[in-house]
Amino acid sequence: MRYTYRLRPGATAVAALHAEWGRCRFLWNEAVHQQKIGNKPTLCRLSKMLTAARSRCGWLREGSQVAQQQTLRNYALALAHSSLIKGRRPPKVKQRKRSLPSLEYTVRGFSIRDGRLRLACGLRIPVVWSRDLPSEPTSVRVYQDTLGHWYASFVVRREAQVVPTATASIGVDWGVSVTATTTNPAFDLPYLGHRKRCAAELARMQRRMSRRRRPKGQPVSSGYLDAKRRAARLHKKAARQSTHDARQWARRVIDSHQLIAVEDFKPNLLFKSTMARKAADAAIGAAKRELIERGMRAGRKVVLVPPAYTTMTCAECGSRAKSRLGLGMRTFRCNDCGYTAGRDLNAARVILATVERDRVGADDVRHTINSLRGGRSGAV
């Protein structure tokens, strides 16, 4: 697991970290260039190129070989994932203005002494120890966020936590007005709207940025940077609140259910619609990720169900509606059996009825429900 802590580097340490990131970014971009020109560099070949480059260039020798080698390992892993994982793209060039610093060190490149993180090349950075490490870390990632704060993420081993015994099942359907609708209303995740509550203050900061923006070509003012920093803090605060609520909800669901059927919904489908702002505020992706990761970590059975036809299918008899339901229709009514329920609640029951296999196809939704028609307990 990863344990993350805030760092308090001084001006000298920040300059050294940025310099180290410049060297690692150079190596990453050089590896991308070698791939584009057709050399197809492997990790072994990249390591040999790094050794030769360090022998010729004193600028590279000033940095940590551990961090530079880890950069090449991350590039090789990203390149392999681009061909193995659907939707992953090949590594791209990291631009200085658009990429945030991120450095990785193995046990040969860091240590912890007197409450400080000691990195290669003599860097000593104070750490805000908000909790104790459960074991000796095997690696650390030092990175900077959009607000300019530095963090250290340690990889440690932790004893498995005892999860309460549970036998119940639950189905989860994602939405916007209600972030997560489940077959048990007691476990629904309502739309909390953290970004909506700070919208007025955010708009005030954005207007201040607009007033203090200087013409193109002139250096930005300190007032503009202050307003920009305040706006970024509001975005970060809302994102952290959404993540915290998603973690608390996922823990409650996992502690009480052994079988969890989750709609395999892609939130990016809503980003091109009129609900993009509210969908981003609902943080569906964060809640889904927390539920799946924590469920698998706890040993629960988590099943991903495609969302196709789940809204059009009746959870009682398995018949499918002839036309799609508009977003304005919040109640599902079956023309065959007369079953009536909320749109999202019916979809959650349909999702739960399709968990006989780890991954079902869209056409299997109706057939699975028909096989359970004799016993209603499988769909509620």
Protein backbone atom coordinates (compact mmCIF):
# COMPACT_ATOMS: atom_id res chain seq x y z
CA MET A 1 0.00 0.00 0.00
CA ARG A 2 0.94 3.65 -0.32
CA TYR A 3 1.20 6.02 2.63
CA THR A 4 1.36 9.66 1.58
CA TYR A 5 2.77 12.52 3.66
CA ARG A 6 3.25 16.25 3.16
CA LEU A 7 6.78 17.55 2.68
CA ARG A 8 8.19 20.91 3.80
CA PRO A 9 11.19 21.51 1.51
CA GLY A 10 13.17 24.73 1.69
CA ALA A 11 14.10 26.92 -1.24
CA THR A 12 17.37 25.04 -1.82
CA ALA A 13 15.64 21.65 -1.74
CA VAL A 14 12.90 22.84 -4.12
CA ALA A 15 15.51 24.05 -6.60
CA ALA A 16 17.35 20.71 -6.35
CA LEU A 17 14.11 18.76 -6.87
CA HIS A 18 13.23 20.81 -9.95
CA ALA A 19 16.74 20.29 -11.32
CA GLU A 20 16.44 16.54 -10.78
CA TRP A 21 13.05 16.55 -12.47
CA GLY A 22 14.58 18.38 -15.45
CA ARG A 23 17.12 15.58 -15.91
CA CYS A 24 14.50 12.84 -15.62
CA ARG A 25 12.18 14.67 -18.01
CA PHE A 26 15.01 14.94 -20.51
CA LEU A 27 15.55 11.17 -20.38
CA TRP A 28 11.84 10.50 -20.78
CA ASN A 29 11.60 12.77 -23.82
CA GLU A 30 14.72 11.20 -25.34
CA ALA A 31 13.16 7.74 -24.95
CA VAL A 32 10.00 9.00 -26.69
CA HIS A 33 12.16 10.39 -29.50
CA GLN A 34 13.96 7.07 -29.93
CA GLN A 35 10.61 5.32 -30.21
CA LYS A 36 9.31 7.79 -32.80
CA ILE A 37 12.33 7.44 -35.10
CA GLY A 38 11.90 3.67 -35.11
CA ASN A 39 14.71 2.48 -32.86
CA LYS A 40 12.22 0.69 -30.55
CA PRO A 41 14.38 0.96 -27.43
CA THR A 42 13.99 -1.69 -24.77
CA LEU A 43 14.72 -1.14 -21.09
CA CYS A 44 18.13 -2.80 -21.45
CA ARG A 45 19.05 -0.59 -24.39
CA LEU A 46 17.81 2.52 -22.59
CA SER A 47 19.92 1.63 -19.56
CA LYS A 48 23.02 1.32 -21.74
CA MET A 49 22.25 4.67 -23.35
CA LEU A 50 21.89 6.22 -19.89
CA THR A 51 25.28 4.85 -18.80
CA ALA A 52 26.92 6.23 -21.92
CA ALA A 53 25.19 9.61 -21.54
CA ARG A 54 26.27 9.94 -17.88
CA SER A 55 29.87 9.24 -18.82
CA ARG A 56 29.82 12.03 -21.42
CA CYS A 57 27.60 14.64 -19.75
CA GLY A 58 28.46 16.06 -16.35
CA TRP A 59 24.97 17.58 -16.06
CA LEU A 60 23.45 14.11 -15.86
CA ARG A 61 26.11 12.89 -13.42
CA GLU A 62 25.08 15.62 -10.99
CA GLY A 63 21.72 13.90 -10.54
CA SER A 64 20.73 10.62 -8.94
CA GLN A 65 21.19 7.54 -11.08
CA VAL A 66 18.41 5.81 -9.12
CA ALA A 67 15.80 8.42 -10.07
CA GLN A 68 16.96 8.44 -13.69
CA GLN A 69 16.84 4.65 -13.94
CA GLN A 70 13.35 4.60 -12.42
CA THR A 71 12.21 7.12 -15.02
CA LEU A 72 13.30 4.75 -17.79
CA ARG A 73 11.56 1.85 -16.04
CA ASN A 74 8.33 3.85 -15.86
CA TYR A 75 8.65 4.68 -19.55
CA ALA A 76 9.14 1.02 -20.49
CA LEU A 77 6.13 0.05 -18.36
CA ALA A 78 3.95 2.76 -19.92
CA LEU A 79 5.00 1.66 -23.40
CA ALA A 80 4.12 -1.96 -22.62
CA HIS A 81 0.73 -0.97 -21.21
CA SER A 82 -0.08 1.00 -24.39
CA SER A 83 -0.11 -2.25 -26.35
CA LEU A 84 -1.65 -4.51 -23.69
CA ILE A 85 -4.35 -2.37 -22.06
CA LYS A 86 -7.25 -1.09 -24.13
CA GLY A 87 -7.51 2.68 -24.20
CA ARG A 88 -3.89 3.32 -23.16
CA ARG A 89 -1.88 5.53 -25.50
CA PRO A 90 1.88 5.47 -26.08
CA PRO A 91 3.99 7.76 -23.88
CA LYS A 92 4.15 11.39 -24.98
CA VAL A 93 6.68 14.15 -24.55
CA LYS A 94 6.52 15.82 -21.14
CA GLN A 95 6.55 19.57 -21.53
CA ARG A 96 8.07 21.71 -18.81
CA LYS A 97 5.05 23.99 -18.43
CA ARG A 98 2.41 21.24 -18.45
CA SER A 99 3.99 18.35 -16.54
CA LEU A 100 4.31 18.32 -12.77
CA PRO A 101 7.50 17.02 -11.13
CA SER A 102 7.44 13.37 -10.07
CA LEU A 103 10.52 11.46 -8.92
CA GLU A 104 10.79 7.84 -7.79
CA TYR A 105 13.50 6.32 -5.62
CA THR A 106 14.15 2.74 -4.57
CA VAL A 107 15.81 1.73 -1.28
CA ARG A 108 19.22 2.59 -2.76
CA GLY A 109 18.21 6.20 -3.27
CA PHE A 110 16.52 7.28 -0.04
CA SER A 111 16.42 6.78 3.72
CA ILE A 112 14.58 8.16 6.74
CA ARG A 113 16.64 9.61 9.58
CA ASP A 114 15.65 11.93 12.42
CA GLY A 115 12.18 12.42 10.93
CA ARG A 116 13.58 13.68 7.62
CA LEU A 117 13.55 12.15 4.17
CA ARG A 118 17.11 11.83 2.89
CA LEU A 119 17.33 11.55 -0.90
CA ALA A 120 20.29 10.89 -3.12
CA CYS A 121 22.70 13.77 -3.76
CA GLY A 122 22.43 14.96 -0.15
CA LEU A 123 18.85 16.27 -0.05
CA ARG A 124 17.20 16.36 3.41
CA ILE A 125 13.50 17.26 3.50
CA PRO A 126 11.30 17.52 6.62
CA VAL A 127 8.20 15.29 6.58
CA VAL A 128 4.86 15.96 8.26
CA TRP A 129 4.31 12.57 9.90
CA SER A 130 0.51 12.51 10.20
CA ARG A 131 0.64 8.76 11.02
CA ASP A 132 3.25 6.12 11.61
CA LEU A 133 4.55 3.90 8.84
CA PRO A 134 3.45 0.28 9.38
CA SER A 135 6.74 -1.10 8.03
CA GLU A 136 9.96 -0.09 6.33
CA PRO A 137 9.20 1.47 2.92
CA THR A 138 10.55 -0.19 -0.20
CA SER A 139 10.25 2.85 -2.49
CA VAL A 140 9.09 6.44 -2.43
CA ARG A 141 7.58 8.81 -4.95
CA VAL A 142 8.22 12.52 -4.45
CA TYR A 143 5.83 14.70 -6.43
CA GLN A 144 4.32 18.17 -6.59
CA ASP A 145 0.61 18.91 -6.97
CA THR A 146 -1.11 21.75 -8.82
CA LEU A 147 -0.93 24.00 -5.76
CA GLY A 148 2.84 23.71 -5.53
CA HIS A 149 2.78 21.46 -2.46
CA TRP A 150 5.25 18.58 -2.25
CA TYR A 151 4.33 15.07 -1.10
CA ALA A 152 6.12 11.78 -0.46
CA SER A 153 4.25 8.54 -1.20
CA PHE A 154 5.89 5.50 0.45
CA VAL A 155 5.23 1.91 -0.63
CA VAL A 156 4.90 -0.22 2.52
CA ARG A 157 3.56 -3.60 3.60
CA ARG A 158 0.60 -3.66 5.95
CA GLU A 159 -1.17 -6.51 7.65
CA ALA A 160 -4.51 -7.41 6.14
CA GLN A 161 -7.37 -5.83 8.03
CA VAL A 162 -10.13 -8.07 9.36
CA VAL A 163 -13.30 -7.50 7.33
CA PRO A 164 -16.68 -8.31 8.93
CA THR A 165 -18.36 -11.46 7.63
CA ALA A 166 -21.18 -10.63 5.21
CA THR A 167 -23.51 -12.65 2.98
CA ALA A 168 -25.73 -9.94 1.45
CA SER A 169 -25.57 -8.76 -2.17
CA ILE A 170 -26.03 -5.31 -3.62
CA GLY A 171 -26.29 -3.69 -7.04
CA VAL A 172 -24.98 -0.20 -7.80
CA ASP A 173 -26.21 2.11 -10.57
CA TRP A 174 -24.46 5.43 -11.21
CA GLY A 175 -26.27 8.68 -11.85
CA VAL A 176 -26.05 12.46 -11.53
CA SER A 177 -28.99 13.55 -9.37
CA VAL A 178 -28.06 10.65 -7.05
CA THR A 179 -24.42 9.64 -7.43
CA ALA A 180 -25.01 5.96 -6.60
CA THR A 181 -28.38 4.24 -6.40
CA THR A 182 -28.33 0.78 -4.81
CA THR A 183 -30.82 -2.01 -4.34
CA ASN A 184 -30.80 -1.12 -0.64
CA PRO A 185 -31.78 2.58 -0.26
CA ALA A 186 -29.88 2.75 3.05
CA PHE A 187 -26.60 2.57 1.10
CA ASP A 188 -27.38 5.20 -1.56
CA LEU A 189 -24.74 7.88 -2.15
CA PRO A 190 -26.55 11.22 -2.64
CA TYR A 191 -25.26 14.07 -4.75
CA LEU A 192 -23.33 16.22 -2.29
CA GLY A 193 -22.33 19.11 -4.56
CA HIS A 194 -19.07 20.25 -2.98
CA ARG A 195 -18.07 22.28 -6.04
CA LYS A 196 -21.53 23.81 -6.27
CA ARG A 197 -21.26 25.19 -2.73
CA CYS A 198 -18.02 27.00 -3.51
CA ALA A 199 -19.15 28.17 -6.98
CA ALA A 200 -19.76 31.77 -5.84
CA GLU A 201 -16.32 32.14 -4.29
CA LEU A 202 -14.71 30.43 -7.27
CA ALA A 203 -16.45 32.81 -9.67
CA ARG A 204 -15.19 35.76 -7.60
CA MET A 205 -11.60 34.50 -7.86
CA GLN A 206 -11.97 33.93 -11.59
CA ARG A 207 -13.27 37.48 -12.10
CA ARG A 208 -10.30 38.75 -10.12
CA MET A 209 -7.98 36.77 -12.37
CA SER A 210 -9.65 38.28 -15.43
CA ARG A 211 -9.22 41.84 -14.11
CA ARG A 212 -5.58 41.32 -13.21
CA ARG A 213 -4.57 39.52 -16.39
CA ARG A 214 -1.94 41.49 -18.28
CA PRO A 215 -1.59 41.64 -22.07
CA LYS A 216 0.20 38.84 -23.80
CA GLY A 217 3.95 39.15 -23.61
CA GLN A 218 4.04 40.97 -20.28
CA PRO A 219 5.00 39.21 -17.02
CA VAL A 220 2.08 38.19 -14.83
CA SER A 221 1.45 40.19 -11.66
CA SER A 222 1.61 38.86 -8.12
CA GLY A 223 -2.09 39.67 -7.69
CA TYR A 224 -2.99 37.45 -10.66
CA LEU A 225 -0.91 34.60 -9.27
CA ASP A 226 -2.57 35.00 -5.86
CA ALA A 227 -6.07 34.82 -7.37
CA LYS A 228 -5.06 31.82 -9.46
CA ARG A 229 -3.69 30.06 -6.38
CA ARG A 230 -6.91 30.73 -4.44
CA ALA A 231 -9.04 29.32 -7.27
CA ALA A 232 -6.86 26.21 -7.41
CA ARG A 233 -7.27 25.73 -3.66
CA LEU A 234 -11.06 25.74 -4.03
CA HIS A 235 -10.90 23.10 -6.77
CA LYS A 236 -8.55 20.99 -4.65
CA LYS A 237 -10.72 21.31 -1.55
CA ALA A 238 -13.85 20.16 -3.40
CA ALA A 239 -11.98 17.22 -4.97
CA ARG A 240 -10.66 16.11 -1.58
CA GLN A 241 -14.12 16.31 -0.03
CA SER A 242 -15.58 14.18 -2.84
CA THR A 243 -12.81 11.61 -2.43
CA HIS A 244 -13.31 11.46 1.33
CA ASP A 245 -17.07 10.93 1.01
CA ALA A 246 -16.53 8.24 -1.65
CA ARG A 247 -14.13 6.38 0.65
CA GLN A 248 -16.51 6.47 3.60
CA TRP A 249 -19.41 5.25 1.44
CA ALA A 250 -17.35 2.48 -0.16
CA ARG A 251 -16.28 1.25 3.27
CA ARG A 252 -19.90 1.01 4.46
CA VAL A 253 -20.93 -0.93 1.34
CA ILE A 254 -18.01 -3.34 1.54
CA ASP A 255 -18.39 -4.07 5.25
CA SER A 256 -22.01 -5.17 4.76
CA HIS A 257 -21.99 -7.05 1.42
CA GLN A 258 -20.11 -10.02 0.00
CA LEU A 259 -21.32 -9.69 -3.61
CA ILE A 260 -21.19 -6.24 -5.23
CA ALA A 261 -22.53 -5.73 -8.76
CA VAL A 262 -21.27 -2.42 -10.17
CA GLU A 263 -22.36 -0.71 -13.36
CA ASP A 264 -19.34 -0.41 -15.64
CA PHE A 265 -20.19 3.17 -16.53
CA LYS A 266 -17.64 5.50 -18.16
CA PRO A 267 -18.12 9.02 -16.71
CA ASN A 268 -16.36 10.65 -19.67
CA LEU A 269 -19.50 9.99 -21.72
CA LEU A 270 -21.17 12.84 -19.83
CA PHE A 271 -18.38 15.37 -20.35
CA LYS A 272 -19.70 16.36 -23.78
CA SER A 273 -23.27 16.89 -22.56
CA THR A 274 -25.04 19.68 -20.70
CA MET A 275 -24.52 17.72 -17.45
CA ALA A 276 -20.72 17.89 -17.65
CA ARG A 277 -20.30 20.29 -14.72
CA LYS A 278 -22.67 18.40 -12.43
CA ALA A 279 -21.21 15.04 -13.46
CA ALA A 280 -17.72 16.29 -12.57
CA ASP A 281 -19.05 17.51 -9.22
CA ALA A 282 -20.64 14.12 -8.52
CA ALA A 283 -17.21 12.46 -8.90
CA ILE A 284 -18.62 9.20 -10.25
CA GLY A 285 -15.20 7.99 -11.35
CA ALA A 286 -13.68 8.50 -7.89
CA ALA A 287 -16.54 6.67 -6.16
CA LYS A 288 -16.41 3.78 -8.63
CA ARG A 289 -12.64 3.44 -8.29
CA GLU A 290 -12.77 3.45 -4.48
CA LEU A 291 -15.55 0.85 -4.42
CA ILE A 292 -13.76 -1.53 -6.78
CA GLU A 293 -10.31 -1.20 -5.20
CA ARG A 294 -11.51 -1.54 -1.62
CA GLY A 295 -13.82 -4.41 -2.51
CA MET A 296 -11.08 -6.43 -4.16
CA ARG A 297 -8.69 -5.62 -1.32
CA ALA A 298 -11.23 -6.90 1.22
CA GLY A 299 -11.78 -10.15 -0.69
CA ARG A 300 -15.31 -9.33 -1.82
CA LYS A 301 -16.67 -10.46 -5.17
CA VAL A 302 -16.96 -7.38 -7.39
CA VAL A 303 -18.68 -7.83 -10.76
CA LEU A 304 -18.66 -5.20 -13.52
CA VAL A 305 -21.86 -5.16 -15.56
CA PRO A 306 -22.15 -3.29 -18.90
CA PRO A 307 -24.75 -0.51 -18.69
CA ALA A 308 -26.38 -1.39 -22.02
CA TYR A 309 -30.15 -2.07 -21.73
CA THR A 310 -30.11 -2.00 -17.91
CA THR A 311 -32.47 0.99 -17.89
CA MET A 312 -34.80 -0.51 -20.53
CA THR A 313 -35.07 -3.97 -18.91
CA CYS A 314 -37.66 -4.82 -16.28
CA ALA A 315 -36.16 -6.18 -13.07
CA GLU A 316 -39.35 -8.17 -12.34
CA CYS A 317 -40.07 -10.09 -15.55
CA GLY A 318 -37.01 -9.42 -17.72
CA SER A 319 -38.87 -7.88 -20.66
CA ARG A 320 -37.21 -5.05 -22.53
CA ALA A 321 -38.86 -1.77 -23.49
CA LYS A 322 -39.16 -1.06 -27.21
CA SER A 323 -37.75 2.48 -26.95
CA ARG A 324 -35.19 4.21 -24.80
CA LEU A 325 -36.28 6.14 -21.75
CA GLY A 326 -35.58 9.85 -21.88
CA LEU A 327 -33.64 11.47 -19.09
CA GLY A 328 -36.79 13.28 -18.01
CA MET A 329 -38.58 9.96 -17.29
CA ARG A 330 -37.51 9.10 -13.74
CA THR A 331 -40.02 6.26 -13.24
CA PHE A 332 -39.84 2.89 -14.98
CA ARG A 333 -43.13 1.19 -15.91
CA CYS A 334 -43.23 -2.25 -17.47
CA ASN A 335 -45.93 -2.73 -20.10
CA ASP A 336 -45.93 -6.53 -19.70
CA CYS A 337 -46.19 -7.11 -15.95
CA GLY A 338 -47.05 -3.62 -14.69
CA TYR A 339 -43.98 -3.36 -12.46
CA THR A 340 -43.26 0.23 -11.41
CA ALA A 341 -40.13 1.54 -9.71
CA GLY A 342 -37.68 4.37 -9.85
CA ARG A 343 -35.56 4.45 -12.99
CA ASP A 344 -32.23 4.09 -11.19
CA LEU A 345 -33.56 1.59 -8.65
CA ASN A 346 -34.82 -0.67 -11.43
CA ALA A 347 -31.44 -0.43 -13.17
CA ALA A 348 -29.64 -1.35 -9.93
CA ARG A 349 -31.85 -4.45 -9.56
CA VAL A 350 -31.18 -5.42 -13.17
CA ILE A 351 -27.43 -5.07 -12.57
CA LEU A 352 -27.65 -7.27 -9.48
CA ALA A 353 -29.57 -9.92 -11.44
CA THR A 354 -26.67 -10.32 -13.89
CA VAL A 355 -23.92 -11.40 -11.52
CA GLU A 356 -23.91 -15.10 -12.35
CA ARG A 357 -20.77 -14.49 -14.40
CA ASP A 358 -17.84 -12.17 -13.71
CA ARG A 359 -18.53 -10.22 -16.89
CA VAL A 360 -21.84 -10.41 -18.78
CA GLY A 361 -22.70 -9.22 -22.24
CA ALA A 362 -25.46 -6.77 -23.00
CA ASP A 363 -27.76 -9.47 -24.40
CA ASP A 364 -27.31 -11.65 -21.30
CA VAL A 365 -29.16 -9.16 -19.09
CA ARG A 366 -32.63 -10.19 -20.24
CA HIS A 367 -31.86 -13.94 -20.32
CA THR A 368 -30.38 -13.92 -16.82
CA ILE A 369 -33.44 -12.21 -15.39
CA ASN A 370 -35.74 -14.68 -17.18
CA SER A 371 -33.87 -17.54 -15.52
CA LEU A 372 -34.53 -15.90 -12.14
CA ARG A 373 -38.21 -15.25 -12.80
CA GLY A 374 -39.20 -18.07 -10.50
CA GLY A 375 -37.57 -16.43 -7.48
CA ARG A 376 -37.77 -12.70 -6.97
CA SER A 377 -35.11 -12.69 -4.25
CA GLY A 378 -32.35 -12.81 -6.86
CA ALA A 379 -33.34 -9.43 -8.32
CA VAL A 380 -33.94 -7.36 -5.21
